[in-house]
Amino acid sequence: MTYTIAPVLGEATIQELREAVRGEIATPGDDGYADACRIWNGAHDDRRPALVVRRTGAADVIAAVGFARSNGLRIAVRGGGHSIAGFSTCDHGIVIDLAPMRGVRVDPAARRATVGGGAVCADVDRETQAHGLATTGGLVSSTGVAGFTLGGGIADLLGPMPYRALQTLIDPLWRKGIHAYFKATNLARLDDQLIDRLCKIHLEAPGPQCEIHVHQMGGAVGRVAEGATAFAERSMPFVLNAVTGWHDPDATNTHREWARTVTAAASDASTGRAYVNFLGDANSARTSYGDDAYTRLVSLKNAHDPTNVFQLNQNIDPPA
């Protein structure tokens, strides 16, 4: 039998953090704690952190990280809260909620935007459109910019429309609290036999928000050298993503297994890699990035986070 031992924080210890930050702090005994725990992906709403701290600036973030390390707490960093694998929250640890840090500053001459850690796509669109500018993004406007950018980005549609309309295209289908799961793989080919298999599986979907996406790649993505960034396998022609959302917690296993069936059906065409933002299971970083990129990321991890403080992500694990 395995037991999880959670650190016990006394009120005096928590009060030290309250005095060190300007942002709000929510603990299990506080009014508003339940709301502070909720994230976009309702599949992980059962997590109960010891503290949720809403940050107002870099000094608050520094204080929260120091507090977590001093008290042996896991750290979850929440931007938009869209993590499919549930990295936006944790049990018994500290959630650093960056939602108040949503400022966006646009330099129209340099065509560059500087954004706060809690900014979402809607914030960036509002400020960039004021200058007639836009940047590639997603389809749900509440997606956090920080996590989306760090994982790269791929989310295309054909046909003219206002850019801000594109970014909000399917907001009504993916409201905060929906249970969500993705499973993805890169494809070396897309032949008639694979298309037939995917169509058959789609007809067996357990719910109306079960989708099979096939993204055609190439173009500007493929013109960047393979080793220039951490984004792996730029030469792949297609990305397959099984997307599923549901509201009944009892349907969780059925939906997740359906998504896994989708990618399993494409195993003979898979390159073995996957786009990191489409991974609904934890501990998939090496599979996503591949050995060469992963080795370079380990070097960065050793330089900037050798004790693996920030581990609630598709984690790059530094050597012991």
Protein backbone atom coordinates (compact mmCIF):
# COMPACT_ATOMS: atom_id res chain seq x y z
CA MET A 1 0.00 0.00 0.00
CA THR A 2 1.28 3.45 -0.94
CA TYR A 3 0.69 6.54 1.20
CA THR A 4 1.11 10.17 0.15
CA ILE A 5 2.47 12.32 2.96
CA ALA A 6 1.35 15.92 2.54
CA PRO A 7 3.18 18.79 4.26
CA VAL A 8 1.16 20.37 7.06
CA LEU A 9 1.21 24.17 7.02
CA GLY A 10 0.42 26.03 10.21
CA GLU A 11 -1.45 29.34 10.13
CA ALA A 12 1.66 31.16 11.35
CA THR A 13 3.64 29.77 8.42
CA ILE A 14 0.94 30.78 5.93
CA GLN A 15 0.75 34.22 7.53
CA GLU A 16 4.43 34.77 6.68
CA LEU A 17 3.56 34.32 3.01
CA ARG A 18 0.49 36.58 3.30
CA GLU A 19 2.75 39.34 4.59
CA ALA A 20 5.31 38.78 1.85
CA VAL A 21 2.97 39.15 -1.14
CA ARG A 22 0.41 41.66 -2.39
CA GLY A 23 -1.72 39.06 -4.18
CA GLU A 24 -4.58 37.03 -2.73
CA ILE A 25 -4.00 33.70 -0.97
CA ALA A 26 -6.69 31.01 -0.67
CA THR A 27 -6.42 28.03 1.70
CA PRO A 28 -8.92 25.18 2.23
CA GLY A 29 -10.55 27.05 5.11
CA ASP A 30 -11.06 30.30 3.22
CA ASP A 31 -14.15 31.57 1.45
CA GLY A 32 -13.53 31.39 -2.27
CA TYR A 33 -11.09 28.47 -2.04
CA ALA A 34 -13.30 26.19 -4.14
CA ASP A 35 -13.53 28.80 -6.91
CA ALA A 36 -9.79 29.41 -6.74
CA CYS A 37 -9.17 25.68 -7.31
CA ARG A 38 -11.30 25.41 -10.45
CA ILE A 39 -9.49 25.27 -13.77
CA TRP A 40 -10.71 25.16 -17.36
CA ASN A 41 -10.22 21.39 -17.69
CA GLY A 42 -12.83 19.99 -15.31
CA ALA A 43 -11.30 16.52 -15.61
CA HIS A 44 -8.82 17.64 -12.95
CA ASP A 45 -11.16 19.62 -10.68
CA ASP A 46 -10.75 17.04 -7.91
CA ARG A 47 -7.25 18.31 -7.12
CA ARG A 48 -6.93 20.17 -3.80
CA PRO A 49 -3.80 22.31 -3.39
CA ALA A 50 -2.67 23.49 0.02
CA LEU A 51 -2.53 27.08 -1.27
CA VAL A 52 -3.66 29.03 -4.30
CA VAL A 53 -1.82 32.31 -4.67
CA ARG A 54 -2.94 34.91 -7.21
CA ARG A 55 0.14 36.90 -8.16
CA THR A 56 0.27 40.60 -8.98
CA GLY A 57 3.88 40.82 -10.11
CA ALA A 58 7.30 39.20 -10.34
CA ALA A 59 8.10 39.85 -6.67
CA ASP A 60 5.04 37.83 -5.64
CA VAL A 61 6.12 34.96 -7.89
CA ILE A 62 9.61 34.96 -6.39
CA ALA A 63 8.16 34.93 -2.85
CA ALA A 64 5.79 32.06 -3.69
CA VAL A 65 8.52 29.92 -5.23
CA GLY A 66 10.78 30.52 -2.24
CA PHE A 67 7.96 29.62 0.15
CA ALA A 68 7.18 26.41 -1.74
CA ARG A 69 10.79 25.30 -1.75
CA SER A 70 11.24 26.07 1.96
CA ASN A 71 8.19 24.00 2.85
CA GLY A 72 8.67 21.11 0.42
CA LEU A 73 5.58 21.92 -1.67
CA ARG A 74 5.04 20.99 -5.31
CA ILE A 75 4.53 23.98 -7.58
CA ALA A 76 1.88 24.27 -10.27
CA VAL A 77 1.94 27.39 -12.45
CA ARG A 78 -1.43 28.41 -13.87
CA GLY A 79 -1.79 30.74 -16.84
CA GLY A 80 -5.04 30.08 -18.70
CA GLY A 81 -5.56 26.76 -16.90
CA HIS A 82 -6.04 24.78 -20.13
CA SER A 83 -3.46 22.05 -19.48
CA ILE A 84 -4.95 18.88 -20.93
CA ALA A 85 -2.79 16.73 -18.65
CA GLY A 86 -3.76 18.72 -15.54
CA PHE A 87 -0.50 20.57 -14.93
CA SER A 88 -2.37 23.77 -13.97
CA THR A 89 -3.14 22.40 -10.51
CA CYS A 90 -1.95 19.83 -7.97
CA ASP A 91 -2.80 18.06 -4.73
CA HIS A 92 -1.29 19.37 -1.46
CA GLY A 93 1.07 21.78 -3.22
CA ILE A 94 0.98 25.44 -4.17
CA VAL A 95 -0.73 26.83 -7.27
CA ILE A 96 0.78 30.07 -8.53
CA ASP A 97 -2.14 31.62 -10.38
CA LEU A 98 -0.89 34.24 -12.83
CA ALA A 99 -4.38 35.39 -13.85
CA PRO A 100 -3.93 38.97 -12.52
CA MET A 101 -0.79 39.39 -14.66
CA ARG A 102 -2.59 39.84 -17.99
CA GLY A 103 -0.95 42.98 -19.32
CA VAL A 104 -0.04 43.14 -23.03
CA ARG A 105 2.32 45.75 -24.47
CA VAL A 106 2.62 46.03 -28.26
CA ASP A 107 5.51 47.65 -30.11
CA PRO A 108 3.97 48.19 -33.57
CA ALA A 109 7.28 49.29 -35.11
CA ALA A 110 9.11 46.14 -34.02
CA ARG A 111 5.93 44.06 -34.54
CA ARG A 112 6.48 42.47 -31.15
CA ALA A 113 4.20 41.95 -28.13
CA THR A 114 5.31 41.51 -24.54
CA VAL A 115 2.69 39.74 -22.43
CA GLY A 116 2.15 38.90 -18.78
CA GLY A 117 2.24 35.30 -17.60
CA GLY A 118 -1.52 35.21 -17.10
CA ALA A 119 -2.49 36.71 -20.46
CA VAL A 120 -4.89 34.73 -22.63
CA CYS A 121 -5.39 34.82 -26.38
CA ALA A 122 -8.27 37.30 -26.10
CA ASP A 123 -5.97 39.79 -24.33
CA VAL A 124 -3.34 39.58 -27.05
CA ASP A 125 -5.91 39.84 -29.83
CA ARG A 126 -7.48 42.97 -28.35
CA GLU A 127 -4.17 44.83 -28.11
CA THR A 128 -2.60 43.66 -31.38
CA GLN A 129 -5.73 44.31 -33.42
CA ALA A 130 -5.66 47.94 -32.29
CA HIS A 131 -2.50 48.25 -34.43
CA GLY A 132 -3.78 46.08 -37.28
CA LEU A 133 -1.54 43.21 -36.18
CA ALA A 134 -2.14 39.55 -35.33
CA THR A 135 -0.16 36.47 -34.40
CA THR A 136 -0.91 32.80 -34.85
CA GLY A 137 -2.96 31.39 -32.01
CA GLY A 138 -5.69 28.95 -31.17
CA LEU A 139 -9.46 28.58 -31.48
CA VAL A 140 -10.49 29.13 -27.85
CA SER A 141 -9.91 32.67 -26.63
CA SER A 142 -9.35 31.73 -22.96
CA THR A 143 -6.23 29.69 -23.79
CA GLY A 144 -3.19 30.90 -21.83
CA VAL A 145 -0.54 32.49 -24.04
CA ALA A 146 2.45 31.40 -21.93
CA GLY A 147 1.79 27.66 -22.00
CA PHE A 148 0.62 27.73 -25.60
CA THR A 149 3.76 29.56 -26.74
CA LEU A 150 6.18 27.40 -24.78
CA GLY A 151 4.74 24.31 -26.46
CA GLY A 152 4.91 25.82 -29.93
CA GLY A 153 1.75 26.24 -31.97
CA ILE A 154 -0.01 24.75 -35.00
CA ALA A 155 -4.34 25.14 -33.74
CA ASP A 156 -5.52 26.45 -39.39
CA LEU A 157 -8.90 27.22 -41.12
CA LEU A 158 -9.55 28.32 -44.66
CA GLY A 159 -11.75 31.29 -45.51
CA PRO A 160 -11.67 35.01 -44.77
CA MET A 161 -12.88 36.14 -41.33
CA PRO A 162 -11.87 38.73 -38.71
CA TYR A 163 -8.87 37.46 -36.79
CA ARG A 164 -10.55 37.92 -33.42
CA ALA A 165 -13.43 35.79 -34.70
CA LEU A 166 -11.00 32.98 -35.53
CA GLN A 167 -9.55 33.00 -32.02
CA THR A 168 -13.03 32.66 -30.46
CA LEU A 169 -14.42 30.25 -33.04
CA ILE A 170 -15.35 27.37 -30.74
CA ASP A 171 -15.49 29.08 -27.34
CA PRO A 172 -19.13 28.02 -26.76
CA LEU A 173 -18.19 24.34 -27.07
CA TRP A 174 -15.27 24.48 -24.65
CA ARG A 175 -16.45 26.41 -21.62
CA LYS A 176 -14.49 26.37 -18.36
CA GLY A 177 -15.22 23.20 -16.40
CA ILE A 178 -15.57 20.81 -19.33
CA HIS A 179 -13.65 17.54 -18.96
CA ALA A 180 -11.09 17.35 -21.76
CA TYR A 181 -8.48 14.90 -23.04
CA PHE A 182 -6.23 14.89 -26.13
CA LYS A 183 -4.07 12.16 -27.64
CA ALA A 184 -1.78 12.93 -30.57
CA THR A 185 0.94 11.60 -32.83
CA ASN A 186 2.89 12.83 -35.86
CA LEU A 187 2.19 11.02 -39.12
CA ALA A 188 4.69 10.14 -41.83
CA ARG A 189 1.82 9.53 -44.28
CA LEU A 190 -1.96 9.65 -44.66
CA ASP A 191 -3.19 6.92 -47.00
CA ASP A 192 -6.67 5.68 -47.91
CA GLN A 193 -6.50 2.74 -45.50
CA LEU A 194 -5.70 5.01 -42.54
CA ILE A 195 -8.44 7.46 -43.51
CA ASP A 196 -10.94 4.58 -43.62
CA ARG A 197 -9.86 3.39 -40.15
CA LEU A 198 -10.19 6.88 -38.69
CA CYS A 199 -13.63 7.37 -40.22
CA LYS A 200 -14.82 4.09 -38.72
CA ILE A 201 -13.53 5.03 -35.27
CA HIS A 202 -15.19 8.43 -35.50
CA LEU A 203 -18.56 6.74 -36.06
CA GLU A 204 -17.97 4.85 -32.79
CA ALA A 205 -17.33 8.03 -30.78
CA PRO A 206 -18.89 8.02 -27.28
CA GLY A 207 -20.09 11.63 -27.42
CA PRO A 208 -20.75 14.68 -29.62
CA GLN A 209 -17.49 16.44 -28.70
CA CYS A 210 -15.25 13.64 -29.90
CA GLU A 211 -13.21 14.95 -32.81
CA ILE A 212 -10.40 13.63 -35.00
CA HIS A 213 -8.14 16.40 -36.32
CA VAL A 214 -5.56 15.90 -39.06
CA HIS A 215 -3.34 18.97 -39.46
CA GLN A 216 -1.34 19.30 -42.67
CA MET A 217 2.09 20.67 -41.86
CA GLY A 218 4.97 21.98 -43.97
CA GLY A 219 5.14 25.59 -45.15
CA ALA A 220 6.90 28.03 -42.84
CA VAL A 221 7.14 25.40 -40.09
CA GLY A 222 9.15 23.09 -42.31
CA ARG A 223 11.50 25.85 -43.50
CA VAL A 224 13.09 26.22 -40.04
CA ALA A 225 16.14 24.03 -39.43
CA GLU A 226 15.42 20.94 -37.34
CA GLY A 227 17.88 21.87 -34.59
CA ALA A 228 17.04 25.58 -34.45
CA THR A 229 14.34 25.21 -31.78
CA ALA A 230 12.99 22.60 -29.38
CA PHE A 231 9.97 22.02 -31.64
CA ALA A 232 10.77 18.57 -32.95
CA GLU A 233 10.29 16.89 -36.32
CA ARG A 234 9.45 19.90 -38.48
CA SER A 235 9.56 17.69 -41.55
CA MET A 236 6.46 15.67 -40.62
CA PRO A 237 3.65 16.07 -43.19
CA PHE A 238 0.71 15.58 -40.81
CA VAL A 239 -0.26 15.74 -37.13
CA LEU A 240 -3.10 13.54 -35.88
CA ASN A 241 -4.96 14.70 -32.77
CA ALA A 242 -7.85 12.95 -31.05
CA VAL A 243 -9.86 15.53 -29.10
CA THR A 244 -12.62 14.66 -26.66
CA GLY A 245 -14.70 16.65 -24.19
CA TRP A 246 -17.44 15.48 -21.83
CA HIS A 247 -19.42 16.65 -18.79
CA ASP A 248 -20.32 13.43 -16.93
CA PRO A 249 -17.39 12.30 -14.72
CA ASP A 250 -18.53 8.68 -15.13
CA ALA A 251 -17.72 8.92 -18.85
CA THR A 252 -14.03 9.70 -18.29
CA ASN A 253 -12.56 6.28 -19.03
CA THR A 254 -14.74 5.75 -22.12
CA HIS A 255 -13.67 9.03 -23.68
CA ARG A 256 -9.98 8.61 -22.89
CA GLU A 257 -9.94 5.08 -24.32
CA TRP A 258 -11.64 6.29 -27.49
CA ALA A 259 -8.92 8.91 -28.01
CA ARG A 260 -6.21 6.34 -27.42
CA THR A 261 -7.86 4.03 -29.95
CA VAL A 262 -7.59 6.79 -32.55
CA THR A 263 -3.81 7.13 -32.27
CA ALA A 264 -3.32 3.37 -31.92
CA ALA A 265 -5.10 2.93 -35.26
CA ALA A 266 -2.41 5.12 -36.84
CA SER A 267 0.56 3.34 -35.25
CA ASP A 268 1.87 2.01 -38.57
CA ALA A 269 2.00 5.58 -39.97
CA SER A 270 3.22 7.26 -36.78
CA THR A 271 6.73 8.70 -36.53
CA GLY A 272 6.73 8.10 -32.77
CA ARG A 273 6.74 11.84 -32.02
CA ALA A 274 3.89 14.15 -31.02
CA TYR A 275 3.09 17.84 -30.62
CA VAL A 276 3.62 18.64 -26.93
CA ASN A 277 0.51 20.84 -26.47
CA PHE A 278 -1.71 17.97 -27.64
CA LEU A 279 -0.54 15.46 -25.04
CA GLY A 280 -3.15 14.58 -22.41
CA ASP A 281 -0.88 12.21 -20.47
CA ALA A 282 2.02 13.25 -18.28
CA ASN A 283 5.63 12.06 -18.71
CA SER A 284 5.59 12.30 -22.50
CA ALA A 285 8.35 14.86 -23.09
CA ARG A 286 10.99 12.48 -24.44
CA THR A 287 8.49 10.95 -26.86
CA SER A 288 7.46 14.39 -28.03
CA TYR A 289 10.85 16.03 -28.48
CA GLY A 290 13.04 13.09 -29.47
CA ASP A 291 16.50 12.27 -28.14
CA ASP A 292 18.48 15.16 -29.70
CA ALA A 293 16.14 17.98 -28.66
CA TYR A 294 15.54 16.34 -25.27
CA THR A 295 19.28 16.24 -24.57
CA ARG A 296 19.58 19.97 -25.33
CA LEU A 297 16.57 20.69 -23.11
CA VAL A 298 18.19 18.73 -20.28
CA SER A 299 21.21 21.05 -20.55
CA LEU A 300 18.91 24.07 -20.20
CA LYS A 301 17.12 22.43 -17.29
CA ASN A 302 20.41 21.78 -15.50
CA ALA A 303 21.40 25.40 -15.99
CA HIS A 304 18.14 27.00 -14.84
CA ASP A 305 16.28 24.43 -12.68
CA PRO A 306 18.69 21.67 -11.62
CA THR A 307 16.52 20.54 -8.68
CA ASN A 308 13.39 20.29 -10.86
CA VAL A 309 11.32 22.80 -8.91
CA PHE A 310 9.08 23.37 -11.92
CA GLN A 311 8.01 19.83 -12.69
CA LEU A 312 4.26 20.11 -13.34
CA ASN A 313 4.62 20.22 -17.13
CA GLN A 314 5.72 17.76 -19.80
CA ASN A 315 8.79 17.53 -17.65
CA ILE A 316 12.41 17.66 -18.70
CA ASP A 317 13.96 15.68 -15.87
CA PRO A 318 17.52 16.77 -15.02
CA PRO A 319 19.96 13.95 -14.30
CA ALA A 320 20.32 13.03 -10.64
